[in-house]
Amino acid sequence: VLDRFQNYQTDGHVHLVAAPGSGKTTIGIELIARFGNPALVLVPTVTIREQWVDRIQTAFLENEQKISDLVSQNLKEMKALTIVTYQAFHSAMNQLQSQEDGEEEDFVGFDLLANLRTQKVATLCLDECHHLRNEWWKSLEAFRKQYEQLQVISLTATPPYDSEPELWERYIRMCGEIDQEITVPELVKENTLCPHQDFVYICSPTAEESEHLRQFEDRKWEYIHQLLVNPDFQALVSGSKVLKGDISSDVLLEDPKYLSAILIYMHSQGLTIPDSLENLLGAKRLPQENSYWLELLLQSVLYQTPDWYEDSNGFREKLESELKARGLIEQRQVSLVKSKSRDKILNQSLG
């Protein structure tokens, strides 16, 4: 990476992807030193911020040098290298009061851009940029538009490869195209992977996140209970070509879970099921209706096997619209059991 530094920096960005334990922080510090300008480093958490400071102290400073002479963890007291969290940066950009991990800072009336220009900051290092919450992204994008004279270093172990296309483009606009990716096998081969142990931390969502999740679940179950007894939905399912015997057994058994979903719904509503279909499944008794089986039934109705259902009154379009409005459809996938939006809240939880 260091040997190719001159080539990487030509577009104003150095974007490095490397596995945990590969020494990203050390490389980031070395890249900042090679740029040779006052720098601002943004990190996801206070713990990672302190790890940066410790790495500089132990690996880059001579014994007689004081870390406090070169490094600051406070935007109001910038040094040659200022390291702060994305949360603190967001608060400073919007002149808000900041509070995280017991640390409080009042940025009301603080002109971040003016202070950065006074300090002549010309290098921005983004550590694990994909961890940003949406409001942090907005602050960072607003900053880049107003403070363009920057070389950007981006370090991450997990780029958001599986994100929506527009989110990936947003990420690349900020960080630049990936210059180099260092994989675990490469590090093992060179015997340079830092030993580390992963721990599982049990944490709870914040009160605000919990309330958001509760409201989502309440809306979902309220709608499900209404849908189960909706006469239009009942007519759509009970009028299925499957129940009329118009779909061959071979087709039904290609993916029998959708047949099961229909029969389980019919059974839950006390509706008649043809003996031939129960015998086809070979089940002695049908399970109770739940969100898993209803999710499969809705997936069948809307996307997987829509030709099994006759929809003369346009109910299916209304059904799809109502599910989307409640966040229960994501990319043509009905999501009653597991929701990407809910998982995102939990994955990015501050609890």
Protein backbone atom coordinates (compact mmCIF):
# COMPACT_ATOMS: atom_id res chain seq x y z
CA VAL A 1 0.00 0.00 0.00
CA LEU A 2 2.74 2.44 0.98
CA ASP A 3 4.79 1.63 -2.13
CA ARG A 4 1.79 2.53 -4.32
CA PHE A 5 0.85 5.62 -2.32
CA GLN A 6 1.77 8.08 -5.08
CA ASN A 7 -0.45 6.27 -7.60
CA TYR A 8 -3.39 6.03 -5.22
CA GLN A 9 -3.50 9.70 -4.26
CA THR A 10 -3.83 11.09 -7.80
CA ASP A 11 -7.65 11.29 -7.56
CA GLY A 12 -7.55 12.89 -4.12
CA HIS A 13 -8.63 9.67 -2.41
CA VAL A 14 -6.87 6.68 -0.88
CA HIS A 15 -9.42 3.93 -0.18
CA LEU A 16 -8.15 0.81 1.60
CA VAL A 17 -10.14 -2.30 2.48
CA ALA A 18 -8.42 -4.67 4.90
CA ALA A 19 -9.45 -7.39 7.33
CA PRO A 20 -9.61 -6.82 11.10
CA GLY A 21 -6.15 -7.21 12.59
CA SER A 22 -4.37 -6.18 9.40
CA GLY A 23 -3.07 -2.89 10.79
CA LYS A 24 -5.45 -0.42 9.12
CA THR A 25 -4.94 2.12 11.88
CA THR A 26 -1.16 1.96 11.54
CA ILE A 27 -1.39 2.31 7.76
CA GLY A 28 -3.80 5.22 8.17
CA ILE A 29 -1.38 7.05 10.47
CA GLU A 30 1.48 6.45 8.03
CA LEU A 31 -0.59 7.75 5.09
CA ILE A 32 -1.51 10.87 7.06
CA ALA A 33 2.18 11.42 7.79
CA ARG A 34 3.05 11.06 4.10
CA PHE A 35 0.48 13.67 3.11
CA GLY A 36 2.27 15.93 5.57
CA ASN A 37 -0.68 18.20 6.35
CA PRO A 38 -2.76 18.85 9.48
CA ALA A 39 -5.41 16.14 9.50
CA LEU A 40 -8.86 15.38 10.86
CA VAL A 41 -9.66 11.73 11.65
CA LEU A 42 -13.28 10.63 12.09
CA VAL A 43 -14.05 7.34 13.87
CA PRO A 44 -17.28 5.52 14.84
CA THR A 45 -16.84 5.35 18.63
CA VAL A 46 -14.95 6.84 21.56
CA THR A 47 -13.22 3.47 22.08
CA ILE A 48 -11.81 3.45 18.55
CA ARG A 49 -10.79 7.10 18.95
CA GLU A 50 -8.72 6.16 21.99
CA GLN A 51 -7.20 3.22 20.10
CA TRP A 52 -5.94 5.64 17.47
CA VAL A 53 -4.33 7.82 20.11
CA ASP A 54 -2.73 4.81 21.79
CA ARG A 55 -1.34 3.53 18.47
CA ILE A 56 0.23 6.91 17.71
CA GLN A 57 1.75 7.05 21.20
CA THR A 58 3.23 3.55 21.12
CA ALA A 59 4.30 3.20 17.49
CA PHE A 60 5.08 6.65 16.12
CA LEU A 61 6.33 8.97 18.87
CA GLU A 62 9.81 9.16 20.32
CA ASN A 63 10.12 8.89 24.09
CA GLU A 64 10.56 12.62 24.60
CA GLN A 65 7.55 13.58 22.49
CA LYS A 66 4.24 14.25 24.20
CA ILE A 67 1.08 12.98 22.57
CA SER A 68 -0.77 16.12 23.71
CA ASP A 69 1.57 18.31 21.66
CA LEU A 70 0.54 16.65 18.40
CA VAL A 71 -2.85 15.00 18.91
CA SER A 72 -6.20 16.39 20.04
CA GLN A 73 -9.50 14.64 20.72
CA ASN A 74 -11.44 17.90 20.82
CA LEU A 75 -12.56 19.94 17.81
CA LYS A 76 -12.33 23.12 19.87
CA GLU A 77 -8.63 22.51 20.59
CA MET A 78 -7.25 21.22 17.28
CA LYS A 79 -3.69 20.04 16.85
CA ALA A 80 -1.70 18.70 13.90
CA LEU A 81 -3.83 15.56 14.19
CA THR A 82 -7.36 15.86 15.55
CA ILE A 83 -9.29 12.62 16.17
CA VAL A 84 -13.01 12.75 16.98
CA THR A 85 -16.12 10.62 16.55
CA TYR A 86 -18.61 11.05 13.73
CA GLN A 87 -21.15 12.00 16.41
CA ALA A 88 -18.98 14.87 17.67
CA PHE A 89 -18.32 16.00 14.10
CA HIS A 90 -22.06 15.96 13.33
CA SER A 91 -22.78 18.02 16.45
CA ALA A 92 -20.07 20.54 15.56
CA MET A 93 -21.28 20.87 11.96
CA ASN A 94 -24.81 21.59 13.18
CA GLN A 95 -23.75 23.62 16.24
CA LEU A 96 -25.45 21.26 18.68
CA GLN A 97 -24.68 19.99 22.15
CA SER A 98 -22.87 16.64 21.97
CA GLN A 99 -23.08 13.84 24.53
CA GLU A 100 -21.61 10.35 24.17
CA ASP A 101 -20.09 7.89 26.63
CA GLY A 102 -20.29 10.43 29.43
CA GLU A 103 -18.52 13.16 27.44
CA GLU A 104 -20.35 16.44 26.88
CA GLU A 105 -19.41 19.28 24.54
CA ASP A 106 -21.38 22.38 23.60
CA PHE A 107 -20.87 23.34 19.94
CA VAL A 108 -23.56 26.03 19.91
CA GLY A 109 -22.08 29.02 18.07
CA PHE A 110 -18.95 27.04 17.12
CA ASP A 111 -17.77 27.60 13.51
CA LEU A 112 -16.17 24.28 12.61
CA LEU A 113 -15.23 25.24 9.05
CA ALA A 114 -13.49 28.43 10.16
CA ASN A 115 -11.51 26.55 12.79
CA LEU A 116 -10.46 23.87 10.29
CA ARG A 117 -9.27 26.56 7.88
CA THR A 118 -7.36 28.31 10.65
CA GLN A 119 -5.67 25.01 11.48
CA LYS A 120 -5.03 24.50 7.71
CA VAL A 121 -6.48 20.99 7.81
CA ALA A 122 -5.95 19.41 4.38
CA THR A 123 -6.30 15.68 5.08
CA LEU A 124 -9.49 13.88 6.12
CA CYS A 125 -9.31 10.27 7.30
CA LEU A 126 -12.57 8.30 7.51
CA ASP A 127 -12.35 5.17 9.65
CA GLU A 128 -15.13 2.62 9.00
CA CYS A 129 -17.13 5.18 7.03
CA HIS A 130 -19.92 2.69 6.27
CA HIS A 131 -20.99 2.81 9.95
CA LEU A 132 -22.43 6.29 9.53
CA ARG A 133 -26.03 6.95 10.49
CA ASN A 134 -28.03 8.88 7.93
CA GLU A 135 -27.81 12.24 9.71
CA TRP A 136 -24.02 11.81 10.03
CA TRP A 137 -23.83 11.17 6.28
CA LYS A 138 -25.71 14.40 5.63
CA SER A 139 -23.33 16.37 7.84
CA LEU A 140 -20.28 14.83 6.17
CA GLU A 141 -21.63 15.50 2.67
CA ALA A 142 -22.46 19.10 3.57
CA PHE A 143 -18.95 19.49 4.95
CA ARG A 144 -17.31 18.14 1.78
CA LYS A 145 -19.27 20.59 -0.37
CA GLN A 146 -18.13 23.54 1.73
CA TYR A 147 -14.58 22.34 2.40
CA GLU A 148 -13.30 20.82 -0.83
CA GLN A 149 -9.54 21.30 -0.41
CA LEU A 150 -9.00 17.87 1.17
CA GLN A 151 -7.14 14.65 0.51
CA VAL A 152 -9.36 11.81 1.76
CA ILE A 153 -8.15 8.54 3.29
CA SER A 154 -10.83 5.87 3.82
CA LEU A 155 -10.22 2.72 5.87
CA THR A 156 -12.68 -0.13 6.32
CA ALA A 157 -12.89 -3.87 6.83
CA THR A 158 -16.40 -4.21 5.44
CA PRO A 159 -17.47 -1.97 2.56
CA PRO A 160 -21.26 -1.90 2.08
CA TYR A 161 -21.19 -4.25 -0.93
CA ASP A 162 -24.74 -5.49 -0.21
CA SER A 163 -26.33 -2.05 0.13
CA GLU A 164 -28.76 -0.46 -2.29
CA PRO A 165 -27.10 0.90 -5.49
CA GLU A 166 -27.72 4.52 -4.53
CA LEU A 167 -26.15 3.95 -1.09
CA TRP A 168 -23.12 2.31 -2.68
CA GLU A 169 -22.72 5.28 -5.04
CA ARG A 170 -23.00 7.63 -2.07
CA TYR A 171 -20.27 5.71 -0.29
CA ILE A 172 -17.96 5.75 -3.33
CA ARG A 173 -18.54 9.47 -3.91
CA MET A 174 -17.30 10.11 -0.40
CA CYS A 175 -14.49 7.57 -0.18
CA GLY A 176 -13.40 7.17 -3.80
CA GLU A 177 -13.00 3.91 -5.68
CA ILE A 178 -11.36 1.11 -3.70
CA ASP A 179 -7.60 1.26 -4.34
CA GLN A 180 -6.57 -1.97 -2.67
CA GLU A 181 -8.18 -4.82 -0.75
CA ILE A 182 -6.10 -6.90 1.65
CA THR A 183 -7.69 -10.27 2.46
CA VAL A 184 -7.21 -12.57 5.45
CA PRO A 185 -5.48 -15.35 3.41
CA GLU A 186 -2.85 -12.86 2.24
CA LEU A 187 -2.16 -11.80 5.82
CA VAL A 188 -2.00 -15.37 7.08
CA LYS A 189 0.43 -16.28 4.29
CA GLU A 190 2.71 -13.37 5.25
CA ASN A 191 2.23 -14.09 8.97
CA THR A 192 1.21 -10.46 9.57
CA LEU A 193 -2.36 -10.88 10.83
CA CYS A 194 -2.65 -9.37 14.29
CA PRO A 195 -3.93 -11.95 16.84
CA HIS A 196 -7.33 -10.95 18.12
CA GLN A 197 -10.34 -12.48 19.77
CA ASP A 198 -13.90 -11.59 18.93
CA PHE A 199 -16.28 -11.13 21.83
CA VAL A 200 -20.05 -11.16 21.79
CA TYR A 201 -21.54 -8.22 23.64
CA ILE A 202 -25.19 -8.38 24.65
CA CYS A 203 -26.71 -4.93 24.37
CA SER A 204 -30.17 -3.43 24.28
CA PRO A 205 -31.50 -0.76 21.92
CA THR A 206 -31.84 2.76 23.25
CA ALA A 207 -35.23 3.94 24.48
CA GLU A 208 -35.79 5.81 21.21
CA GLU A 209 -34.83 2.76 19.11
CA SER A 210 -37.00 0.45 21.24
CA GLU A 211 -39.99 2.74 20.79
CA HIS A 212 -39.43 2.82 17.03
CA LEU A 213 -39.26 -1.00 16.92
CA ARG A 214 -42.34 -1.35 19.13
CA GLN A 215 -44.37 0.95 16.90
CA PHE A 216 -43.24 -1.00 13.82
CA GLU A 217 -44.29 -4.32 15.38
CA ASP A 218 -47.62 -2.88 16.60
CA ARG A 219 -48.46 -1.59 13.12
CA LYS A 220 -47.46 -4.90 11.57
CA TRP A 221 -49.58 -7.08 13.86
CA GLU A 222 -52.56 -4.76 13.72
CA TYR A 223 -52.51 -5.07 9.95
CA ILE A 224 -51.99 -8.86 10.01
CA HIS A 225 -55.00 -9.37 12.29
CA GLN A 226 -57.13 -7.22 9.98
CA LEU A 227 -55.88 -9.03 6.88
CA LEU A 228 -56.61 -12.52 8.21
CA VAL A 229 -60.33 -11.75 8.45
CA ASN A 230 -60.52 -9.47 5.41
CA PRO A 231 -63.30 -10.88 3.16
CA ASP A 232 -61.51 -9.78 -0.03
CA PHE A 233 -58.33 -11.58 1.01
CA GLN A 234 -60.33 -14.63 2.03
CA ALA A 235 -62.08 -14.66 -1.34
CA LEU A 236 -58.78 -14.32 -3.19
CA VAL A 237 -57.23 -17.31 -1.41
CA SER A 238 -60.31 -19.54 -1.25
CA GLY A 239 -60.90 -18.94 -4.96
CA SER A 240 -57.40 -20.12 -5.83
CA LYS A 241 -56.94 -22.38 -8.84
CA VAL A 242 -55.07 -24.69 -6.46
CA LEU A 243 -58.23 -25.38 -4.47
CA LYS A 244 -60.24 -25.82 -7.68
CA GLY A 245 -57.85 -28.54 -8.87
CA ASP A 246 -56.59 -26.50 -11.83
CA ILE A 247 -52.91 -26.74 -10.83
CA SER A 248 -51.24 -30.12 -11.34
CA SER A 249 -49.74 -32.07 -8.47
CA ASP A 250 -46.32 -31.98 -10.13
CA VAL A 251 -46.35 -28.17 -10.17
CA LEU A 252 -47.58 -27.96 -6.57
CA LEU A 253 -44.86 -30.30 -5.34
CA GLU A 254 -42.07 -28.37 -7.07
CA ASP A 255 -42.17 -26.03 -4.07
CA PRO A 256 -44.78 -27.40 -1.64
CA LYS A 257 -44.37 -24.67 0.99
CA TYR A 258 -46.67 -22.40 -1.03
CA LEU A 259 -49.35 -25.11 -1.11
CA SER A 260 -48.88 -25.53 2.64
CA ALA A 261 -49.31 -21.79 3.16
CA ILE A 262 -52.67 -21.84 1.33
CA LEU A 263 -53.98 -24.85 3.25
CA ILE A 264 -52.81 -23.52 6.63
CA TYR A 265 -54.63 -20.24 6.00
CA MET A 266 -57.80 -22.07 4.92
CA HIS A 267 -57.63 -24.26 8.03
CA SER A 268 -57.12 -21.22 10.31
CA GLN A 269 -60.30 -19.64 8.91
CA GLY A 270 -62.35 -22.83 9.23
CA LEU A 271 -62.73 -23.13 5.46
CA THR A 272 -63.10 -26.39 3.56
CA ILE A 273 -59.94 -27.98 2.16
CA PRO A 274 -60.10 -30.66 -0.56
CA ASP A 275 -59.00 -34.05 0.81
CA SER A 276 -56.83 -34.60 -2.25
CA LEU A 277 -54.62 -31.62 -1.34
CA GLU A 278 -54.23 -32.69 2.29
CA ASN A 279 -53.28 -36.16 1.10
CA LEU A 280 -50.83 -34.65 -1.39
CA LEU A 281 -48.93 -32.99 1.45
CA GLY A 282 -48.99 -36.17 3.51
CA ALA A 283 -49.31 -34.26 6.78
CA LYS A 284 -51.43 -35.73 9.57
CA ARG A 285 -52.40 -32.25 10.74
CA LEU A 286 -51.71 -28.70 9.65
CA PRO A 287 -49.74 -26.30 11.87
CA GLN A 288 -51.23 -23.12 13.28
CA GLU A 289 -51.19 -19.98 11.18
CA ASN A 290 -48.28 -17.68 12.06
CA SER A 291 -46.23 -14.89 10.51
CA TYR A 292 -43.95 -17.35 8.69
CA TRP A 293 -46.78 -19.12 6.86
CA LEU A 294 -48.64 -15.88 6.17
CA GLU A 295 -45.44 -14.37 4.73
CA LEU A 296 -45.19 -17.34 2.34
CA LEU A 297 -48.85 -17.00 1.38
CA LEU A 298 -48.47 -13.30 0.61
CA GLN A 299 -45.27 -13.96 -1.34
CA SER A 300 -47.18 -16.55 -3.35
CA VAL A 301 -50.12 -14.23 -4.00
CA LEU A 302 -48.04 -11.21 -5.01
CA TYR A 303 -44.84 -12.46 -6.63
CA GLN A 304 -44.03 -16.16 -6.58
CA THR A 305 -47.16 -17.79 -8.05
CA PRO A 306 -49.63 -14.97 -8.80
CA ASP A 307 -51.17 -16.99 -11.64
CA TRP A 308 -52.65 -19.34 -9.02
CA TYR A 309 -55.11 -16.63 -7.95
CA GLU A 310 -57.97 -14.93 -9.79
CA ASP A 311 -58.11 -11.23 -8.92
CA SER A 312 -61.06 -9.73 -10.74
CA ASN A 313 -61.56 -6.75 -8.36
CA GLY A 314 -57.92 -5.58 -8.21
CA PHE A 315 -57.45 -6.49 -4.55
CA ARG A 316 -53.90 -7.70 -5.10
CA GLU A 317 -52.67 -4.23 -6.10
CA LYS A 318 -54.27 -2.73 -2.98
CA LEU A 319 -52.71 -5.47 -0.84
CA GLU A 320 -49.24 -4.79 -2.20
CA SER A 321 -49.65 -1.05 -1.64
CA GLU A 322 -50.74 -1.53 1.98
CA LEU A 323 -47.83 -3.86 2.75
CA LYS A 324 -45.31 -1.45 1.21
CA ALA A 325 -46.76 1.47 3.17
CA ARG A 326 -46.06 -0.45 6.39
CA GLY A 327 -42.53 -1.41 5.41
CA LEU A 328 -43.48 -5.08 4.99
CA ILE A 329 -42.22 -5.46 1.41
CA GLU A 330 -38.57 -4.94 0.47
CA GLN A 331 -37.43 -5.52 -3.12
CA ARG A 332 -40.42 -7.72 -4.03
CA GLN A 333 -39.97 -9.78 -0.87
CA VAL A 334 -42.69 -9.88 1.78
CA SER A 335 -41.03 -9.48 5.19
CA LEU A 336 -43.22 -10.38 8.15
CA VAL A 337 -40.69 -12.54 9.99
CA LYS A 338 -37.50 -10.59 9.39
CA SER A 339 -37.20 -7.01 8.23
CA LYS A 340 -34.10 -5.34 6.77
CA SER A 341 -35.17 -1.98 8.14
CA ARG A 342 -35.57 -3.45 11.63
CA ASP A 343 -32.24 -5.29 11.39
CA LYS A 344 -30.56 -2.05 10.31
CA ILE A 345 -31.80 -0.29 13.44
CA LEU A 346 -30.44 -3.11 15.62
CA ASN A 347 -27.12 -3.38 13.75
CA GLN A 348 -26.49 0.35 14.09
CA SER A 349 -27.91 0.61 17.59
CA LEU A 350 -26.20 3.00 19.99
CA GLY A 351 -27.34 0.89 22.95
